[in-house]
Amino acid sequence: MYTIEKEVICEQTIKKSIFITHLYPVTTIDEVNDYLKKIKKNHYDATHNCYSYIVGEDGSIYKNSDDGEPAQTAGVVIYEVLKKNNLTNIICIVTRYFGGIKLGAGGLIRAYGSSSSNAVNMANLIEIIKEITIKITTTYPYANEILNYFEKYQNIDKSFLEKVELKYIVPEAKFSEISEAIINMTKNNIKIEVL
């Protein structure tokens, strides 16, 4: 899954209605609510502030709102764009200033869909990599080789007592590869635990 690096704002006019899209990275429902309040305050005079958000590593927390537009013409359309692009930890708000010409259900679906798609296309996507913490216990003869191997990973603890104990944060998807490499490196003179 992906999120975005930073906020994206774009605008388009369709039949005199102005659609302003805000795409913003979030990690909690509190951040979602704070950002939603901010946009609604900034665009208090807008006809609609339709939105969708998806939160969580697996995108399991989500919600959308048509904010007064006909049902299924705005919020769910925005959600489908986010979902199709495999996004999470994100909120997309499309603010509409009505221009006096009705778009009809099909026109609204196209307008909210293209508004959110334009913002996603402008965004710099970042892959969300699930990480785990591992603890390695070994003997001193292998310490330097292991320390060199783990240089590119984040170390969160080192202990050099009777044995060498090291804790690192590593991508979950690389755990098998890492385990195999250090087992071979130490001729199986190692203990690896996922914390």
N, C-alpha and C. Protein backbone atom coordinates (compact mmCIF):
# COMPACT_ATOMS: atom_id res chain seq x y z
N MET A 1 0.84 -1.19 0.00
CA MET A 1 0.00 0.00 0.00
C MET A 1 0.89 1.25 0.00
N TYR A 2 0.27 2.36 -0.36
CA TYR A 2 1.01 3.61 -0.49
C TYR A 2 0.31 4.73 0.27
N THR A 3 1.08 5.76 0.57
CA THR A 3 0.52 7.02 1.04
C THR A 3 1.20 8.10 0.22
N ILE A 4 1.01 9.36 0.60
CA ILE A 4 1.65 10.44 -0.16
C ILE A 4 2.64 11.16 0.73
N GLU A 5 3.62 11.80 0.06
CA GLU A 5 4.69 12.49 0.79
C GLU A 5 4.18 13.74 1.49
N LYS A 6 3.39 14.56 0.78
CA LYS A 6 2.91 15.81 1.36
C LYS A 6 1.59 16.21 0.71
N GLU A 7 0.98 17.21 1.28
CA GLU A 7 -0.32 17.70 0.81
C GLU A 7 -0.28 18.09 -0.66
N VAL A 8 -1.38 17.78 -1.36
CA VAL A 8 -1.57 18.18 -2.75
C VAL A 8 -2.89 18.93 -2.83
N ILE A 9 -2.86 20.07 -3.52
CA ILE A 9 -4.09 20.86 -3.73
C ILE A 9 -4.20 21.14 -5.23
N CYS A 10 -5.37 20.86 -5.79
CA CYS A 10 -5.58 21.19 -7.20
C CYS A 10 -7.02 21.66 -7.39
N GLU A 11 -7.25 22.28 -8.52
CA GLU A 11 -8.57 22.89 -8.75
C GLU A 11 -8.96 22.70 -10.22
N GLN A 12 -10.25 22.51 -10.45
CA GLN A 12 -10.76 22.51 -11.82
C GLN A 12 -12.16 23.12 -11.81
N THR A 13 -12.55 23.68 -12.96
CA THR A 13 -13.88 24.26 -13.10
C THR A 13 -14.64 23.42 -14.13
N ILE A 14 -15.82 22.99 -13.74
CA ILE A 14 -16.68 22.20 -14.62
C ILE A 14 -18.05 22.87 -14.65
N LYS A 15 -18.45 23.36 -15.82
CA LYS A 15 -19.74 24.05 -16.01
C LYS A 15 -19.97 25.09 -14.90
N LYS A 16 -18.99 25.93 -14.71
CA LYS A 16 -19.01 27.05 -13.75
C LYS A 16 -18.91 26.64 -12.28
N SER A 17 -18.97 25.34 -11.96
CA SER A 17 -18.74 24.91 -10.58
C SER A 17 -17.23 24.74 -10.38
N ILE A 18 -16.73 25.24 -9.26
CA ILE A 18 -15.30 25.11 -8.95
C ILE A 18 -15.13 23.94 -7.98
N PHE A 19 -14.23 23.03 -8.34
CA PHE A 19 -13.91 21.87 -7.50
C PHE A 19 -12.46 22.02 -7.03
N ILE A 20 -12.28 22.15 -5.72
CA ILE A 20 -10.93 22.27 -5.13
C ILE A 20 -10.66 20.97 -4.36
N THR A 21 -9.59 20.30 -4.73
CA THR A 21 -9.26 19.01 -4.10
C THR A 21 -8.06 19.17 -3.18
N HIS A 22 -8.22 18.66 -1.95
CA HIS A 22 -7.13 18.59 -0.97
C HIS A 22 -6.86 17.12 -0.68
N LEU A 23 -5.64 16.70 -0.94
CA LEU A 23 -5.20 15.33 -0.64
C LEU A 23 -4.12 15.47 0.42
N TYR A 24 -4.29 14.75 1.54
CA TYR A 24 -3.41 14.99 2.69
C TYR A 24 -3.06 13.69 3.39
N PRO A 25 -1.76 13.50 3.75
CA PRO A 25 -1.37 12.28 4.46
C PRO A 25 -1.75 12.35 5.94
N VAL A 26 -2.32 11.27 6.46
CA VAL A 26 -2.72 11.18 7.88
C VAL A 26 -2.36 9.79 8.40
N THR A 27 -2.26 9.67 9.71
CA THR A 27 -2.01 8.34 10.29
C THR A 27 -3.03 7.96 11.36
N THR A 28 -3.81 8.95 11.83
CA THR A 28 -4.79 8.68 12.88
C THR A 28 -6.13 9.35 12.53
N ILE A 29 -7.19 8.89 13.18
CA ILE A 29 -8.51 9.50 13.00
C ILE A 29 -8.50 10.94 13.53
N ASP A 30 -7.73 11.20 14.59
CA ASP A 30 -7.62 12.57 15.11
C ASP A 30 -7.06 13.51 14.04
N GLU A 31 -6.02 13.05 13.31
CA GLU A 31 -5.46 13.86 12.23
C GLU A 31 -6.49 14.08 11.12
N VAL A 32 -7.26 13.04 10.81
CA VAL A 32 -8.33 13.16 9.82
C VAL A 32 -9.30 14.25 10.24
N ASN A 33 -9.78 14.17 11.48
CA ASN A 33 -10.77 15.13 11.98
C ASN A 33 -10.22 16.55 12.02
N ASP A 34 -8.95 16.70 12.44
CA ASP A 34 -8.33 18.04 12.49
C ASP A 34 -8.25 18.64 11.09
N TYR A 35 -7.83 17.83 10.11
CA TYR A 35 -7.68 18.34 8.74
C TYR A 35 -9.05 18.67 8.14
N LEU A 36 -10.01 17.81 8.40
CA LEU A 36 -11.37 18.04 7.90
C LEU A 36 -11.94 19.35 8.46
N LYS A 37 -11.73 19.58 9.76
CA LYS A 37 -12.20 20.82 10.39
C LYS A 37 -11.54 22.04 9.74
N LYS A 38 -10.23 21.92 9.49
CA LYS A 38 -9.47 23.02 8.90
C LYS A 38 -10.02 23.37 7.51
N ILE A 39 -10.24 22.36 6.68
CA ILE A 39 -10.73 22.61 5.31
C ILE A 39 -12.15 23.17 5.35
N LYS A 40 -13.00 22.60 6.22
CA LYS A 40 -14.37 23.10 6.32
C LYS A 40 -14.41 24.54 6.82
N LYS A 41 -13.45 24.89 7.70
CA LYS A 41 -13.37 26.27 8.20
C LYS A 41 -12.89 27.20 7.08
N ASN A 42 -11.86 26.76 6.35
CA ASN A 42 -11.32 27.58 5.25
C ASN A 42 -12.33 27.75 4.13
N HIS A 43 -13.17 26.75 3.92
CA HIS A 43 -14.17 26.79 2.84
C HIS A 43 -15.59 26.74 3.42
N TYR A 44 -15.81 27.52 4.47
CA TYR A 44 -17.12 27.54 5.15
C TYR A 44 -18.25 27.97 4.21
N ASP A 45 -17.90 28.74 3.17
CA ASP A 45 -18.90 29.25 2.25
C ASP A 45 -19.12 28.34 1.04
N ALA A 46 -18.46 27.18 1.02
CA ALA A 46 -18.61 26.25 -0.11
C ALA A 46 -19.98 25.57 -0.06
N THR A 47 -20.43 25.10 -1.21
CA THR A 47 -21.70 24.40 -1.28
C THR A 47 -21.56 23.00 -0.66
N HIS A 48 -20.44 22.34 -0.94
CA HIS A 48 -20.20 20.99 -0.41
C HIS A 48 -18.71 20.79 -0.11
N ASN A 49 -18.42 20.02 0.94
CA ASN A 49 -17.07 19.53 1.24
C ASN A 49 -17.17 18.01 1.33
N CYS A 50 -17.10 17.34 0.20
CA CYS A 50 -17.24 15.89 0.15
C CYS A 50 -15.87 15.26 0.39
N TYR A 51 -15.85 14.10 1.04
CA TYR A 51 -14.54 13.53 1.36
C TYR A 51 -14.59 12.02 1.48
N SER A 52 -13.38 11.47 1.52
CA SER A 52 -13.18 10.07 1.87
C SER A 52 -11.82 9.97 2.53
N TYR A 53 -11.72 9.08 3.52
CA TYR A 53 -10.40 8.80 4.09
C TYR A 53 -10.22 7.31 4.26
N ILE A 54 -8.95 6.90 4.25
CA ILE A 54 -8.56 5.51 4.50
C ILE A 54 -7.38 5.57 5.45
N VAL A 55 -7.46 4.82 6.55
CA VAL A 55 -6.39 4.82 7.55
C VAL A 55 -6.05 3.39 7.94
N GLY A 56 -4.79 3.16 8.26
CA GLY A 56 -4.33 1.85 8.75
C GLY A 56 -3.43 1.17 7.73
N GLU A 57 -2.52 0.35 8.25
CA GLU A 57 -1.56 -0.35 7.40
C GLU A 57 -2.23 -1.15 6.30
N ASP A 58 -3.40 -1.71 6.63
CA ASP A 58 -4.11 -2.54 5.65
C ASP A 58 -5.34 -1.80 5.08
N GLY A 59 -5.47 -0.53 5.40
CA GLY A 59 -6.58 0.27 4.86
C GLY A 59 -7.94 -0.14 5.39
N SER A 60 -7.97 -0.68 6.61
CA SER A 60 -9.23 -1.23 7.14
C SER A 60 -10.18 -0.19 7.73
N ILE A 61 -9.67 1.03 8.00
CA ILE A 61 -10.53 2.08 8.56
C ILE A 61 -10.79 3.10 7.45
N TYR A 62 -12.07 3.25 7.10
CA TYR A 62 -12.39 4.20 6.04
C TYR A 62 -13.79 4.76 6.23
N LYS A 63 -13.99 5.92 5.62
CA LYS A 63 -15.30 6.57 5.69
C LYS A 63 -15.39 7.54 4.52
N ASN A 64 -16.60 7.80 4.06
CA ASN A 64 -16.78 8.83 3.05
C ASN A 64 -18.08 9.57 3.29
N SER A 65 -18.15 10.77 2.72
CA SER A 65 -19.35 11.61 2.90
C SER A 65 -19.67 12.34 1.61
N ASP A 66 -20.96 12.35 1.26
CA ASP A 66 -21.44 13.09 0.09
C ASP A 66 -21.75 14.55 0.46
N ASP A 67 -21.79 14.86 1.75
CA ASP A 67 -22.02 16.22 2.26
C ASP A 67 -23.11 16.97 1.50
N GLY A 68 -24.25 16.31 1.33
CA GLY A 68 -25.39 16.97 0.71
C GLY A 68 -25.54 16.76 -0.79
N GLU A 69 -24.52 16.24 -1.45
CA GLU A 69 -24.67 15.88 -2.86
C GLU A 69 -25.55 14.63 -2.92
N PRO A 70 -26.19 14.33 -4.06
CA PRO A 70 -26.99 13.11 -4.15
C PRO A 70 -26.17 11.87 -3.76
N ALA A 71 -26.84 10.93 -3.08
CA ALA A 71 -26.15 9.73 -2.57
C ALA A 71 -25.35 9.03 -3.67
N GLN A 72 -24.17 8.58 -3.28
CA GLN A 72 -23.28 7.79 -4.16
C GLN A 72 -22.67 8.58 -5.32
N THR A 73 -22.71 9.92 -5.27
CA THR A 73 -22.15 10.70 -6.39
C THR A 73 -20.84 11.38 -6.03
N ALA A 74 -20.42 11.32 -4.75
CA ALA A 74 -19.21 12.08 -4.37
C ALA A 74 -18.28 11.26 -3.47
N GLY A 75 -18.67 11.07 -2.21
CA GLY A 75 -17.79 10.41 -1.23
C GLY A 75 -17.31 9.04 -1.67
N VAL A 76 -18.22 8.18 -2.10
CA VAL A 76 -17.85 6.82 -2.51
C VAL A 76 -17.00 6.86 -3.79
N VAL A 77 -17.23 7.86 -4.63
CA VAL A 77 -16.45 8.03 -5.86
C VAL A 77 -15.00 8.37 -5.50
N ILE A 78 -14.83 9.28 -4.55
CA ILE A 78 -13.48 9.65 -4.07
C ILE A 78 -12.82 8.42 -3.45
N TYR A 79 -13.57 7.68 -2.63
CA TYR A 79 -13.04 6.46 -1.99
C TYR A 79 -12.52 5.47 -3.03
N GLU A 80 -13.30 5.26 -4.09
CA GLU A 80 -12.90 4.30 -5.13
C GLU A 80 -11.60 4.71 -5.82
N VAL A 81 -11.39 6.01 -6.00
CA VAL A 81 -10.13 6.49 -6.59
C VAL A 81 -8.96 6.17 -5.65
N LEU A 82 -9.15 6.44 -4.36
CA LEU A 82 -8.08 6.15 -3.38
C LEU A 82 -7.78 4.65 -3.34
N LYS A 83 -8.86 3.86 -3.30
CA LYS A 83 -8.71 2.40 -3.22
C LYS A 83 -8.04 1.84 -4.47
N LYS A 84 -8.46 2.32 -5.63
CA LYS A 84 -7.90 1.84 -6.91
C LYS A 84 -6.40 2.11 -6.98
N ASN A 85 -5.95 3.19 -6.34
CA ASN A 85 -4.53 3.55 -6.34
C ASN A 85 -3.77 2.95 -5.16
N ASN A 86 -4.44 2.03 -4.43
CA ASN A 86 -3.82 1.31 -3.32
C ASN A 86 -3.28 2.25 -2.24
N LEU A 87 -4.07 3.28 -1.93
CA LEU A 87 -3.65 4.29 -0.95
C LEU A 87 -4.25 4.03 0.43
N THR A 88 -3.50 4.38 1.45
CA THR A 88 -3.99 4.37 2.82
C THR A 88 -3.32 5.52 3.56
N ASN A 89 -3.75 5.76 4.80
CA ASN A 89 -3.25 6.88 5.60
C ASN A 89 -3.37 8.19 4.80
N ILE A 90 -4.59 8.42 4.33
CA ILE A 90 -4.83 9.55 3.45
C ILE A 90 -6.27 10.04 3.59
N ILE A 91 -6.44 11.34 3.40
CA ILE A 91 -7.79 11.91 3.29
C ILE A 91 -7.83 12.75 2.02
N CYS A 92 -8.95 12.65 1.32
CA CYS A 92 -9.17 13.46 0.12
C CYS A 92 -10.49 14.20 0.31
N ILE A 93 -10.41 15.53 0.26
CA ILE A 93 -11.61 16.37 0.39
C ILE A 93 -11.77 17.15 -0.92
N VAL A 94 -12.94 17.03 -1.52
CA VAL A 94 -13.23 17.81 -2.73
C VAL A 94 -14.29 18.84 -2.36
N THR A 95 -13.89 20.10 -2.39
CA THR A 95 -14.77 21.22 -2.06
C THR A 95 -15.41 21.72 -3.35
N ARG A 96 -16.74 21.89 -3.33
CA ARG A 96 -17.44 22.38 -4.52
C ARG A 96 -18.12 23.71 -4.24
N TYR A 97 -17.84 24.66 -5.12
CA TYR A 97 -18.57 25.92 -5.14
C TYR A 97 -19.51 25.85 -6.34
N PHE A 98 -20.80 25.76 -6.09
CA PHE A 98 -21.80 25.57 -7.15
C PHE A 98 -21.82 26.78 -8.08
N GLY A 99 -21.80 26.51 -9.38
CA GLY A 99 -21.75 27.58 -10.37
C GLY A 99 -23.08 27.88 -11.05
N GLY A 100 -24.15 27.23 -10.59
CA GLY A 100 -25.46 27.54 -11.14
C GLY A 100 -25.96 26.57 -12.19
N ILE A 101 -25.12 25.67 -12.66
CA ILE A 101 -25.54 24.69 -13.67
C ILE A 101 -25.50 23.30 -13.03
N LYS A 102 -26.65 22.62 -13.02
CA LYS A 102 -26.70 21.28 -12.43
C LYS A 102 -25.96 20.29 -13.33
N LEU A 103 -25.21 19.38 -12.71
CA LEU A 103 -24.40 18.43 -13.47
C LEU A 103 -25.09 17.08 -13.65
N GLY A 104 -26.11 16.80 -12.85
CA GLY A 104 -26.75 15.47 -12.88
C GLY A 104 -25.85 14.45 -12.20
N ALA A 105 -26.41 13.29 -11.89
CA ALA A 105 -25.65 12.25 -11.16
C ALA A 105 -24.39 11.83 -11.91
N GLY A 106 -24.52 11.56 -13.20
CA GLY A 106 -23.35 11.15 -13.99
C GLY A 106 -22.28 12.22 -14.04
N GLY A 107 -22.69 13.46 -14.18
CA GLY A 107 -21.75 14.58 -14.21
C GLY A 107 -21.03 14.76 -12.89
N LEU A 108 -21.78 14.58 -11.78
CA LEU A 108 -21.16 14.68 -10.45
C LEU A 108 -20.14 13.57 -10.24
N ILE A 109 -20.49 12.35 -10.62
CA ILE A 109 -19.58 11.21 -10.47
C ILE A 109 -18.29 11.49 -11.26
N ARG A 110 -18.44 11.97 -12.49
CA ARG A 110 -17.24 12.28 -13.30
C ARG A 110 -16.44 13.42 -12.69
N ALA A 111 -17.12 14.43 -12.18
CA ALA A 111 -16.43 15.60 -11.60
C ALA A 111 -15.65 15.23 -10.33
N TYR A 112 -16.30 14.50 -9.41
CA TYR A 112 -15.60 14.12 -8.18
C TYR A 112 -14.51 13.07 -8.46
N GLY A 113 -14.78 12.19 -9.41
CA GLY A 113 -13.77 11.19 -9.79
C GLY A 113 -12.54 11.83 -10.41
N SER A 114 -12.74 12.76 -11.34
CA SER A 114 -11.60 13.39 -12.00
C SER A 114 -10.86 14.33 -11.05
N SER A 115 -11.60 15.00 -10.15
CA SER A 115 -10.95 15.90 -9.18
C SER A 115 -10.01 15.12 -8.27
N SER A 116 -10.49 13.99 -7.74
CA SER A 116 -9.63 13.20 -6.84
C SER A 116 -8.51 12.51 -7.63
N SER A 117 -8.78 12.04 -8.84
CA SER A 117 -7.74 11.42 -9.68
C SER A 117 -6.63 12.41 -10.02
N ASN A 118 -7.01 13.64 -10.34
CA ASN A 118 -6.00 14.66 -10.65
C ASN A 118 -5.06 14.87 -9.48
N ALA A 119 -5.61 14.93 -8.27
CA ALA A 119 -4.77 15.14 -7.08
C ALA A 119 -3.84 13.95 -6.86
N VAL A 120 -4.36 12.73 -7.00
CA VAL A 120 -3.53 11.53 -6.82
C VAL A 120 -2.42 11.52 -7.86
N ASN A 121 -2.73 11.88 -9.10
CA ASN A 121 -1.71 11.90 -10.16
C ASN A 121 -0.62 12.93 -9.91
N MET A 122 -0.94 14.00 -9.19
CA MET A 122 0.05 15.04 -8.86
C MET A 122 0.91 14.66 -7.66
N ALA A 123 0.43 13.72 -6.84
CA ALA A 123 1.10 13.38 -5.58
C ALA A 123 2.33 12.51 -5.80
N ASN A 124 3.27 12.65 -4.86
CA ASN A 124 4.45 11.78 -4.83
C ASN A 124 4.09 10.62 -3.90
N LEU A 125 3.88 9.43 -4.47
CA LEU A 125 3.47 8.27 -3.68
C LEU A 125 4.66 7.63 -2.98
N ILE A 126 4.42 7.18 -1.75
CA ILE A 126 5.46 6.53 -0.95
C ILE A 126 4.92 5.17 -0.52
N GLU A 127 5.70 4.13 -0.76
CA GLU A 127 5.27 2.79 -0.35
C GLU A 127 5.37 2.66 1.16
N ILE A 128 4.33 2.07 1.76
CA ILE A 128 4.34 1.82 3.20
C ILE A 128 4.91 0.43 3.41
N ILE A 129 6.05 0.38 4.09
CA ILE A 129 6.73 -0.89 4.31
C ILE A 129 6.51 -1.32 5.76
N LYS A 130 5.92 -2.49 5.93
CA LYS A 130 5.66 -3.01 7.27
C LYS A 130 6.99 -3.45 7.88
N GLU A 131 7.26 -2.96 9.09
CA GLU A 131 8.54 -3.27 9.74
C GLU A 131 8.32 -4.07 11.01
N ILE A 132 9.37 -4.82 11.38
CA ILE A 132 9.36 -5.58 12.63
C ILE A 132 10.66 -5.32 13.37
N THR A 133 10.65 -5.60 14.67
CA THR A 133 11.87 -5.49 15.46
C THR A 133 12.39 -6.89 15.72
N ILE A 134 13.69 -7.08 15.47
CA ILE A 134 14.30 -8.39 15.73
C ILE A 134 15.43 -8.24 16.74
N LYS A 135 15.63 -9.31 17.50
CA LYS A 135 16.73 -9.35 18.48
C LYS A 135 17.65 -10.48 18.06
N ILE A 136 18.93 -10.19 17.98
CA ILE A 136 19.95 -11.16 17.57
C ILE A 136 20.89 -11.37 18.75
N THR A 137 21.11 -12.62 19.08
CA THR A 137 22.06 -12.97 20.14
C THR A 137 23.12 -13.88 19.53
N THR A 138 24.37 -13.49 19.71
CA THR A 138 25.47 -14.29 19.14
C THR A 138 26.71 -14.16 20.02
N THR A 139 27.80 -14.75 19.57
CA THR A 139 29.06 -14.68 20.32
C THR A 139 29.98 -13.66 19.67
N TYR A 140 31.02 -13.25 20.39
CA TYR A 140 31.90 -12.17 19.95
C TYR A 140 32.60 -12.40 18.61
N PRO A 141 33.02 -13.62 18.27
CA PRO A 141 33.74 -13.78 16.99
C PRO A 141 32.93 -13.32 15.77
N TYR A 142 31.59 -13.28 15.87
CA TYR A 142 30.75 -12.93 14.72
C TYR A 142 30.23 -11.49 14.79
N ALA A 143 30.53 -10.78 15.87
CA ALA A 143 29.94 -9.46 16.11
C ALA A 143 30.22 -8.46 15.00
N ASN A 144 31.48 -8.31 14.59
CA ASN A 144 31.81 -7.30 13.57
C ASN A 144 31.12 -7.57 12.25
N GLU A 145 31.12 -8.85 11.83
CA GLU A 145 30.49 -9.20 10.56
C GLU A 145 28.99 -8.88 10.60
N ILE A 146 28.34 -9.17 11.72
CA ILE A 146 26.91 -8.89 11.86
C ILE A 146 26.66 -7.38 11.90
N LEU A 147 27.48 -6.66 12.64
CA LEU A 147 27.32 -5.20 12.69
C LEU A 147 27.47 -4.59 11.30
N ASN A 148 28.42 -5.08 10.51
CA ASN A 148 28.59 -4.59 9.14
C ASN A 148 27.36 -4.92 8.28
N TYR A 149 26.85 -6.14 8.43
CA TYR A 149 25.69 -6.56 7.64
C TYR A 149 24.48 -5.65 7.91
N PHE A 150 24.31 -5.25 9.17
CA PHE A 150 23.11 -4.48 9.56
C PHE A 150 23.30 -2.96 9.49
N GLU A 151 24.39 -2.50 8.88
CA GLU A 151 24.63 -1.05 8.80
C GLU A 151 23.47 -0.27 8.18
N LYS A 152 22.80 -0.87 7.19
CA LYS A 152 21.72 -0.14 6.49
C LYS A 152 20.39 -0.17 7.24
N TYR A 153 20.32 -0.91 8.35
CA TYR A 153 19.07 -0.99 9.12
C TYR A 153 19.19 -0.18 10.40
N GLN A 154 18.04 0.22 10.93
CA GLN A 154 18.02 1.04 12.15
C GLN A 154 18.28 0.17 13.38
N ASN A 155 19.36 0.52 14.09
CA ASN A 155 19.70 -0.18 15.33
C ASN A 155 19.00 0.52 16.49
N ILE A 156 18.33 -0.28 17.35
CA ILE A 156 17.68 0.36 18.50
C ILE A 156 18.29 -0.05 19.83
N ASP A 157 19.20 -1.06 19.81
CA ASP A 157 19.87 -1.43 21.06
C ASP A 157 21.07 -2.32 20.76
N LYS A 158 22.15 -2.09 21.51
CA LYS A 158 23.35 -2.94 21.42
C LYS A 158 23.78 -3.26 22.84
N SER A 159 24.09 -4.52 23.08
CA SER A 159 24.55 -4.94 24.40
C SER A 159 25.71 -5.92 24.21
N PHE A 160 26.85 -5.60 24.84
CA PHE A 160 28.04 -6.44 24.74
C PHE A 160 28.41 -6.93 26.14
N LEU A 161 27.74 -7.98 26.58
CA LEU A 161 28.04 -8.55 27.90
C LEU A 161 28.63 -9.94 27.69
N GLU A 162 28.03 -10.96 28.29
CA GLU A 162 28.53 -12.32 28.10
C GLU A 162 28.41 -12.71 26.62
N LYS A 163 27.28 -12.29 26.03
CA LYS A 163 27.06 -12.49 24.58
C LYS A 163 26.74 -11.13 23.96
N VAL A 164 26.74 -11.10 22.65
CA VAL A 164 26.39 -9.87 21.93
C VAL A 164 24.88 -9.92 21.63
N GLU A 165 24.17 -8.87 22.06
CA GLU A 165 22.73 -8.76 21.78
C GLU A 165 22.49 -7.48 21.00
N LEU A 166 21.82 -7.62 19.87
CA LEU A 166 21.54 -6.48 19.00
C LEU A 166 20.06 -6.47 18.64
N LYS A 167 19.50 -5.27 18.58
CA LYS A 167 18.09 -5.14 18.17
C LYS A 167 18.03 -4.19 16.98
N TYR A 168 17.31 -4.62 15.95
CA TYR A 168 17.17 -3.83 14.73
C TYR A 168 15.72 -3.79 14.27
N ILE A 169 15.39 -2.72 13.55
CA ILE A 169 14.10 -2.63 12.88
C ILE A 169 14.37 -2.96 11.41
N VAL A 170 13.65 -3.97 10.90
CA VAL A 170 13.86 -4.43 9.52
C VAL A 170 12.51 -4.58 8.81
N PRO A 171 12.50 -4.52 7.48
CA PRO A 171 11.25 -4.76 6.74
C PRO A 171 10.80 -6.21 6.95
N GLU A 172 9.53 -6.39 7.28
CA GLU A 172 9.00 -7.73 7.53
C GLU A 172 9.23 -8.65 6.33
N ALA A 173 9.08 -8.11 5.13
CA ALA A 173 9.23 -8.92 3.92
C ALA A 173 10.65 -9.44 3.72
N LYS A 174 11.63 -8.83 4.38
CA LYS A 174 13.03 -9.26 4.22
C LYS A 174 13.50 -10.16 5.37
N PHE A 175 12.62 -10.48 6.30
CA PHE A 175 13.02 -11.24 7.48
C PHE A 175 13.65 -12.59 7.13
N SER A 176 13.04 -13.34 6.23
CA SER A 176 13.58 -14.66 5.86
C SER A 176 14.96 -14.53 5.23
N GLU A 177 15.10 -13.57 4.33
CA GLU A 177 16.38 -13.33 3.65
C GLU A 177 17.47 -12.96 4.66
N ILE A 178 17.13 -12.07 5.61
CA ILE A 178 18.08 -11.63 6.64
C ILE A 178 18.47 -12.80 7.54
N SER A 179 17.46 -13.56 7.97
CA SER A 179 17.72 -14.72 8.85
C SER A 179 18.68 -15.71 8.20
N GLU A 180 18.39 -16.04 6.95
CA GLU A 180 19.24 -17.00 6.22
C GLU A 180 20.67 -16.49 6.10
N ALA A 181 20.82 -15.21 5.80
CA ALA A 181 22.16 -14.62 5.64
C ALA A 181 22.97 -14.67 6.93
N ILE A 182 22.35 -14.31 8.05
CA ILE A 182 23.15 -14.28 9.29
C ILE A 182 23.32 -15.67 9.90
N ILE A 183 22.43 -16.60 9.61
CA ILE A 183 22.64 -17.99 10.04
C ILE A 183 23.86 -18.56 9.30
N ASN A 184 23.93 -18.31 8.00
CA ASN A 184 25.09 -18.76 7.21
C ASN A 184 26.38 -18.07 7.67
N MET A 185 26.29 -16.79 7.93
CA MET A 185 27.43 -15.98 8.34
C MET A 185 28.04 -16.49 9.64
N THR A 186 27.18 -16.94 10.56
CA THR A 186 27.64 -17.35 11.90
C THR A 186 27.69 -18.87 12.06
N LYS A 187 27.50 -19.58 10.96
CA LYS A 187 27.47 -21.05 10.99
C LYS A 187 26.46 -21.54 12.04
N ASN A 188 25.31 -20.88 12.05
CA ASN A 188 24.18 -21.19 12.94
C ASN A 188 24.48 -20.95 14.42
N ASN A 189 25.48 -20.14 14.70
CA ASN A 189 25.83 -19.80 16.08
C ASN A 189 25.13 -18.47 16.44
N ILE A 190 23.80 -18.50 16.35
CA ILE A 190 23.03 -17.27 16.52
C ILE A 190 21.60 -17.59 16.95
N LYS A 191 21.01 -16.65 17.66
CA LYS A 191 19.58 -16.79 18.01
C LYS A 191 18.88 -15.54 17.48
N ILE A 192 17.80 -15.74 16.74
CA ILE A 192 17.04 -14.62 16.15
C ILE A 192 15.62 -14.68 16.69
N GLU A 193 15.18 -13.55 17.25
CA GLU A 193 13.81 -13.46 17.77
C GLU A 193 13.09 -12.26 17.17
N VAL A 194 11.81 -12.43 16.88
CA VAL A 194 10.97 -11.30 16.49
C VAL A 194 10.30 -10.80 17.75
N LEU A 195 10.48 -9.52 18.04
CA LEU A 195 9.93 -8.95 19.28
C LEU A 195 8.54 -8.37 19.06
